[in-house]
Amino acid sequence: VKYIYMPALRPAIMSAVQLAVGMG
């Protein structure tokens, strides 16, 4: 999770935060 999944998910998490907070 730490060395494979987390780095792979970083762009998805950052873009989701930006979109979701505004929509929320």
PDB file of all heavy atoms in Angstrom:
ATOM      1  N   VAL A   1       0.830  -1.198   0.000  1.00  0.00           N
ATOM      2  CA  VAL A   1       0.000   0.000   0.000  1.00  0.00           C
ATOM      3  C   VAL A   1       0.868   1.254   0.000  1.00  0.00           C
ATOM      4  O   VAL A   1       0.627   2.205  -0.759  1.00  0.00           O
ATOM      5  CB  VAL A   1      -0.946   0.007   1.225  1.00  0.00           C
ATOM      6  CG1 VAL A   1      -1.636   1.365   1.373  1.00  0.00           C
ATOM      7  CG2 VAL A   1      -1.985  -1.092   1.105  1.00  0.00           C
ATOM      8  N   LYS A   2       1.901   1.260   0.847  1.00  0.00           N
ATOM      9  CA  LYS A   2       2.752   2.442   1.020  1.00  0.00           C
ATOM     10  C   LYS A   2       3.591   2.757  -0.211  1.00  0.00           C
ATOM     11  O   LYS A   2       3.712   3.928  -0.606  1.00  0.00           O
ATOM     12  CB  LYS A   2       3.659   2.246   2.238  1.00  0.00           C
ATOM     13  CG  LYS A   2       4.531   3.456   2.548  1.00  0.00           C
ATOM     14  CD  LYS A   2       5.359   3.220   3.804  1.00  0.00           C
ATOM     15  CE  LYS A   2       6.230   4.445   4.115  1.00  0.00           C
ATOM     16  NZ  LYS A   2       7.048   4.244   5.335  1.00  0.00           N
ATOM     17  N   TYR A   3       4.183   1.728  -0.818  1.00  0.00           N
ATOM     18  CA  TYR A   3       5.161   1.967  -1.882  1.00  0.00           C
ATOM     19  C   TYR A   3       4.617   1.796  -3.293  1.00  0.00           C
ATOM     20  O   TYR A   3       5.258   2.218  -4.249  1.00  0.00           O
ATOM     21  CB  TYR A   3       6.370   1.043  -1.688  1.00  0.00           C
ATOM     22  CG  TYR A   3       7.121   1.317  -0.404  1.00  0.00           C
ATOM     23  CD1 TYR A   3       7.104   0.383   0.639  1.00  0.00           C
ATOM     24  CD2 TYR A   3       7.818   2.500  -0.225  1.00  0.00           C
ATOM     25  CE1 TYR A   3       7.785   0.632   1.821  1.00  0.00           C
ATOM     26  CE2 TYR A   3       8.505   2.757   0.954  1.00  0.00           C
ATOM     27  CZ  TYR A   3       8.481   1.820   1.977  1.00  0.00           C
ATOM     28  OH  TYR A   3       9.152   2.077   3.148  1.00  0.00           O
ATOM     29  N   ILE A   4       3.436   1.195  -3.435  1.00  0.00           N
ATOM     30  CA  ILE A   4       2.892   0.980  -4.781  1.00  0.00           C
ATOM     31  C   ILE A   4       1.570   1.731  -4.964  1.00  0.00           C
ATOM     32  O   ILE A   4       1.436   2.563  -5.860  1.00  0.00           O
ATOM     33  CB  ILE A   4       2.692  -0.522  -5.069  1.00  0.00           C
ATOM     34  CG1 ILE A   4       4.042  -1.256  -5.031  1.00  0.00           C
ATOM     35  CG2 ILE A   4       2.035  -0.720  -6.439  1.00  0.00           C
ATOM     36  CD1 ILE A   4       3.957  -2.750  -5.235  1.00  0.00           C
ATOM     37  N   TYR A   5       0.608   1.435  -4.085  1.00  0.00           N
ATOM     38  CA  TYR A   5      -0.718   2.021  -4.272  1.00  0.00           C
ATOM     39  C   TYR A   5      -0.762   3.516  -3.951  1.00  0.00           C
ATOM     40  O   TYR A   5      -1.375   4.297  -4.696  1.00  0.00           O
ATOM     41  CB  TYR A   5      -1.752   1.281  -3.417  1.00  0.00           C
ATOM     42  CG  TYR A   5      -2.136  -0.065  -3.979  1.00  0.00           C
ATOM     43  CD1 TYR A   5      -1.766  -1.248  -3.351  1.00  0.00           C
ATOM     44  CD2 TYR A   5      -2.880  -0.157  -5.152  1.00  0.00           C
ATOM     45  CE1 TYR A   5      -2.111  -2.491  -3.871  1.00  0.00           C
ATOM     46  CE2 TYR A   5      -3.244  -1.398  -5.682  1.00  0.00           C
ATOM     47  CZ  TYR A   5      -2.851  -2.550  -5.030  1.00  0.00           C
ATOM     48  OH  TYR A   5      -3.202  -3.767  -5.550  1.00  0.00           O
ATOM     49  N   MET A   6      -0.148   3.924  -2.860  1.00  0.00           N
ATOM     50  CA  MET A   6      -0.205   5.332  -2.464  1.00  0.00           C
ATOM     51  C   MET A   6       0.387   6.275  -3.515  1.00  0.00           C
ATOM     52  O   MET A   6      -0.251   7.272  -3.875  1.00  0.00           O
ATOM     53  CB  MET A   6       0.472   5.529  -1.107  1.00  0.00           C
ATOM     54  CG  MET A   6      -0.315   4.947   0.065  1.00  0.00           C
ATOM     55  SD  MET A   6      -1.930   5.728   0.305  1.00  0.00           S
ATOM     56  CE  MET A   6      -1.425   7.323   0.921  1.00  0.00           C
ATOM     57  N   PRO A   7       1.586   5.997  -4.033  1.00  0.00           N
ATOM     58  CA  PRO A   7       2.114   6.873  -5.103  1.00  0.00           C
ATOM     59  C   PRO A   7       1.231   6.882  -6.345  1.00  0.00           C
ATOM     60  O   PRO A   7       1.071   7.913  -6.999  1.00  0.00           O
ATOM     61  CB  PRO A   7       3.489   6.268  -5.402  1.00  0.00           C
ATOM     62  CG  PRO A   7       3.874   5.555  -4.147  1.00  0.00           C
ATOM     63  CD  PRO A   7       2.590   4.996  -3.608  1.00  0.00           C
ATOM     64  N   ALA A   8       0.656   5.709  -6.678  1.00  0.00           N
ATOM     65  CA  ALA A   8      -0.199   5.625  -7.869  1.00  0.00           C
ATOM     66  C   ALA A   8      -1.489   6.416  -7.694  1.00  0.00           C
ATOM     67  O   ALA A   8      -2.044   6.956  -8.658  1.00  0.00           O
ATOM     68  CB  ALA A   8      -0.520   4.163  -8.177  1.00  0.00           C
ATOM     69  N   LEU A   9      -1.971   6.504  -6.460  1.00  0.00           N
ATOM     70  CA  LEU A   9      -3.246   7.179  -6.188  1.00  0.00           C
ATOM     71  C   LEU A   9      -3.099   8.680  -5.944  1.00  0.00           C
ATOM     72  O   LEU A   9      -4.100   9.384  -5.871  1.00  0.00           O
ATOM     73  CB  LEU A   9      -3.920   6.547  -4.968  1.00  0.00           C
ATOM     74  CG  LEU A   9      -4.480   5.138  -5.146  1.00  0.00           C
ATOM     75  CD1 LEU A   9      -4.986   4.600  -3.814  1.00  0.00           C
ATOM     76  CD2 LEU A   9      -5.600   5.131  -6.173  1.00  0.00           C
ATOM     77  N   ARG A  10      -1.880   9.160  -5.831  1.00  0.00           N
ATOM     78  CA  ARG A  10      -1.673  10.571  -5.486  1.00  0.00           C
ATOM     79  C   ARG A  10      -2.383  11.542  -6.441  1.00  0.00           C
ATOM     80  O   ARG A  10      -3.118  12.430  -5.986  1.00  0.00           O
ATOM     81  CB  ARG A  10      -0.180  10.882  -5.429  1.00  0.00           C
ATOM     82  CG  ARG A  10       0.100  12.329  -5.031  1.00  0.00           C
ATOM     83  CD  ARG A  10       1.561  12.547  -4.758  1.00  0.00           C
ATOM     84  NE  ARG A  10       1.778  13.899  -4.256  1.00  0.00           N
ATOM     85  CZ  ARG A  10       2.763  14.251  -3.484  1.00  0.00           C
ATOM     86  NH1 ARG A  10       3.642  13.343  -3.092  1.00  0.00           N
ATOM     87  NH2 ARG A  10       2.914  15.499  -3.080  1.00  0.00           N
ATOM     88  N   PRO A  11      -2.222  11.430  -7.763  1.00  0.00           N
ATOM     89  CA  PRO A  11      -2.926  12.362  -8.654  1.00  0.00           C
ATOM     90  C   PRO A  11      -4.443  12.270  -8.511  1.00  0.00           C
ATOM     91  O   PRO A  11      -5.143  13.295  -8.554  1.00  0.00           O
ATOM     92  CB  PRO A  11      -2.473  11.925 -10.058  1.00  0.00           C
ATOM     93  CG  PRO A  11      -1.207  11.177  -9.844  1.00  0.00           C
ATOM     94  CD  PRO A  11      -1.360  10.504  -8.531  1.00  0.00           C
ATOM     95  N   ALA A  12      -4.961  11.044  -8.332  1.00  0.00           N
ATOM     96  CA  ALA A  12      -6.410  10.852  -8.191  1.00  0.00           C
ATOM     97  C   ALA A  12      -6.922  11.519  -6.917  1.00  0.00           C
ATOM     98  O   ALA A  12      -7.983  12.163  -6.916  1.00  0.00           O
ATOM     99  CB  ALA A  12      -6.742   9.366  -8.176  1.00  0.00           C
ATOM    100  N   ILE A  13      -6.174  11.385  -5.823  1.00  0.00           N
ATOM    101  CA  ILE A  13      -6.586  11.970  -4.547  1.00  0.00           C
ATOM    102  C   ILE A  13      -6.580  13.489  -4.624  1.00  0.00           C
ATOM    103  O   ILE A  13      -7.537  14.154  -4.205  1.00  0.00           O
ATOM    104  CB  ILE A  13      -5.667  11.481  -3.409  1.00  0.00           C
ATOM    105  CG1 ILE A  13      -5.915   9.992  -3.127  1.00  0.00           C
ATOM    106  CG2 ILE A  13      -5.894  12.293  -2.136  1.00  0.00           C
ATOM    107  CD1 ILE A  13      -4.952   9.379  -2.133  1.00  0.00           C
ATOM    108  N   MET A  14      -5.523  14.058  -5.191  1.00  0.00           N
ATOM    109  CA  MET A  14      -5.412  15.515  -5.255  1.00  0.00           C
ATOM    110  C   MET A  14      -6.497  16.127  -6.143  1.00  0.00           C
ATOM    111  O   MET A  14      -7.094  17.155  -5.800  1.00  0.00           O
ATOM    112  CB  MET A  14      -4.023  15.914  -5.753  1.00  0.00           C
ATOM    113  CG  MET A  14      -2.875  15.449  -4.873  1.00  0.00           C
ATOM    114  SD  MET A  14      -2.984  15.999  -3.159  1.00  0.00           S
ATOM    115  CE  MET A  14      -2.653  17.748  -3.326  1.00  0.00           C
ATOM    116  N   SER A  15      -6.767  15.509  -7.284  1.00  0.00           N
ATOM    117  CA  SER A  15      -7.807  16.040  -8.173  1.00  0.00           C
ATOM    118  C   SER A  15      -9.193  15.849  -7.569  1.00  0.00           C
ATOM    119  O   SER A  15     -10.075  16.707  -7.724  1.00  0.00           O
ATOM    120  CB  SER A  15      -7.731  15.363  -9.546  1.00  0.00           C
ATOM    121  OG  SER A  15      -7.940  13.969  -9.438  1.00  0.00           O
ATOM    122  N   ALA A  16      -9.407  14.725  -6.871  1.00  0.00           N
ATOM    123  CA  ALA A  16     -10.699  14.475  -6.226  1.00  0.00           C
ATOM    124  C   ALA A  16     -10.959  15.502  -5.132  1.00  0.00           C
ATOM    125  O   ALA A  16     -12.089  15.992  -4.984  1.00  0.00           O
ATOM    126  CB  ALA A  16     -10.734  13.067  -5.642  1.00  0.00           C
ATOM    127  N   VAL A  17      -9.928  15.844  -4.369  1.00  0.00           N
ATOM    128  CA  VAL A  17     -10.074  16.852  -3.308  1.00  0.00           C
ATOM    129  C   VAL A  17     -10.487  18.189  -3.903  1.00  0.00           C
ATOM    130  O   VAL A  17     -11.421  18.841  -3.427  1.00  0.00           O
ATOM    131  CB  VAL A  17      -8.760  16.999  -2.513  1.00  0.00           C
ATOM    132  CG1 VAL A  17      -8.774  18.274  -1.675  1.00  0.00           C
ATOM    133  CG2 VAL A  17      -8.538  15.790  -1.621  1.00  0.00           C
ATOM    134  N   GLN A  18      -9.808  18.602  -4.966  1.00  0.00           N
ATOM    135  CA  GLN A  18     -10.103  19.891  -5.583  1.00  0.00           C
ATOM    136  C   GLN A  18     -11.541  19.958  -6.098  1.00  0.00           C
ATOM    137  O   GLN A  18     -12.242  20.951  -5.880  1.00  0.00           O
ATOM    138  CB  GLN A  18      -9.136  20.156  -6.728  1.00  0.00           C
ATOM    139  CG  GLN A  18      -9.315  21.533  -7.358  1.00  0.00           C
ATOM    140  CD  GLN A  18      -8.374  21.765  -8.510  1.00  0.00           C
ATOM    141  OE1 GLN A  18      -8.024  20.844  -9.224  1.00  0.00           O
ATOM    142  NE2 GLN A  18      -7.960  23.010  -8.697  1.00  0.00           N
ATOM    143  N   LEU A  19     -11.992  18.907  -6.761  1.00  0.00           N
ATOM    144  CA  LEU A  19     -13.337  18.885  -7.324  1.00  0.00           C
ATOM    145  C   LEU A  19     -14.398  18.708  -6.247  1.00  0.00           C
ATOM    146  O   LEU A  19     -15.420  19.408  -6.234  1.00  0.00           O
ATOM    147  CB  LEU A  19     -13.441  17.763  -8.360  1.00  0.00           C
ATOM    148  CG  LEU A  19     -14.805  17.573  -9.046  1.00  0.00           C
ATOM    149  CD1 LEU A  19     -15.198  18.841  -9.793  1.00  0.00           C
ATOM    150  CD2 LEU A  19     -14.767  16.381  -9.990  1.00  0.00           C
ATOM    151  N   ALA A  20     -14.155  17.787  -5.311  1.00  0.00           N
ATOM    152  CA  ALA A  20     -15.172  17.439  -4.321  1.00  0.00           C
ATOM    153  C   ALA A  20     -15.445  18.574  -3.341  1.00  0.00           C
ATOM    154  O   ALA A  20     -16.608  18.799  -2.962  1.00  0.00           O
ATOM    155  CB  ALA A  20     -14.747  16.184  -3.556  1.00  0.00           C
ATOM    156  N   VAL A  21     -14.422  19.297  -2.917  1.00  0.00           N
ATOM    157  CA  VAL A  21     -14.633  20.373  -1.948  1.00  0.00           C
ATOM    158  C   VAL A  21     -15.515  21.469  -2.544  1.00  0.00           C
ATOM    159  O   VAL A  21     -16.464  21.942  -1.906  1.00  0.00           O
ATOM    160  CB  VAL A  21     -13.285  20.954  -1.472  1.00  0.00           C
ATOM    161  CG1 VAL A  21     -13.519  22.186  -0.603  1.00  0.00           C
ATOM    162  CG2 VAL A  21     -12.502  19.907  -0.681  1.00  0.00           C
ATOM    163  N   GLY A  22     -15.224  21.859  -3.783  1.00  0.00           N
ATOM    164  CA  GLY A  22     -16.052  22.872  -4.444  1.00  0.00           C
ATOM    165  C   GLY A  22     -17.480  22.406  -4.626  1.00  0.00           C
ATOM    166  O   GLY A  22     -18.433  23.149  -4.341  1.00  0.00           O
ATOM    167  N   MET A  23     -17.656  21.170  -5.087  1.00  0.00           N
ATOM    168  CA  MET A  23     -18.995  20.618  -5.287  1.00  0.00           C
ATOM    169  C   MET A  23     -19.729  20.470  -3.958  1.00  0.00           C
ATOM    170  O   MET A  23     -20.943  20.701  -3.859  1.00  0.00           O
ATOM    171  CB  MET A  23     -18.898  19.263  -5.986  1.00  0.00           C
ATOM    172  CG  MET A  23     -18.453  19.329  -7.437  1.00  0.00           C
ATOM    173  SD  MET A  23     -19.673  20.151  -8.487  1.00  0.00           S
ATOM    174  CE  MET A  23     -21.024  18.981  -8.402  1.00  0.00           C
ATOM    175  N   GLY A  24     -18.996  20.057  -2.925  1.00  0.00           N
ATOM    176  CA  GLY A  24     -19.609  19.886  -1.611  1.00  0.00           C
ATOM    177  C   GLY A  24     -20.150  21.191  -1.059  1.00  0.00           C
ATOM    178  O   GLY A  24     -21.262  21.237  -0.515  1.00  0.00           O
TER     179      GLY A  24
END
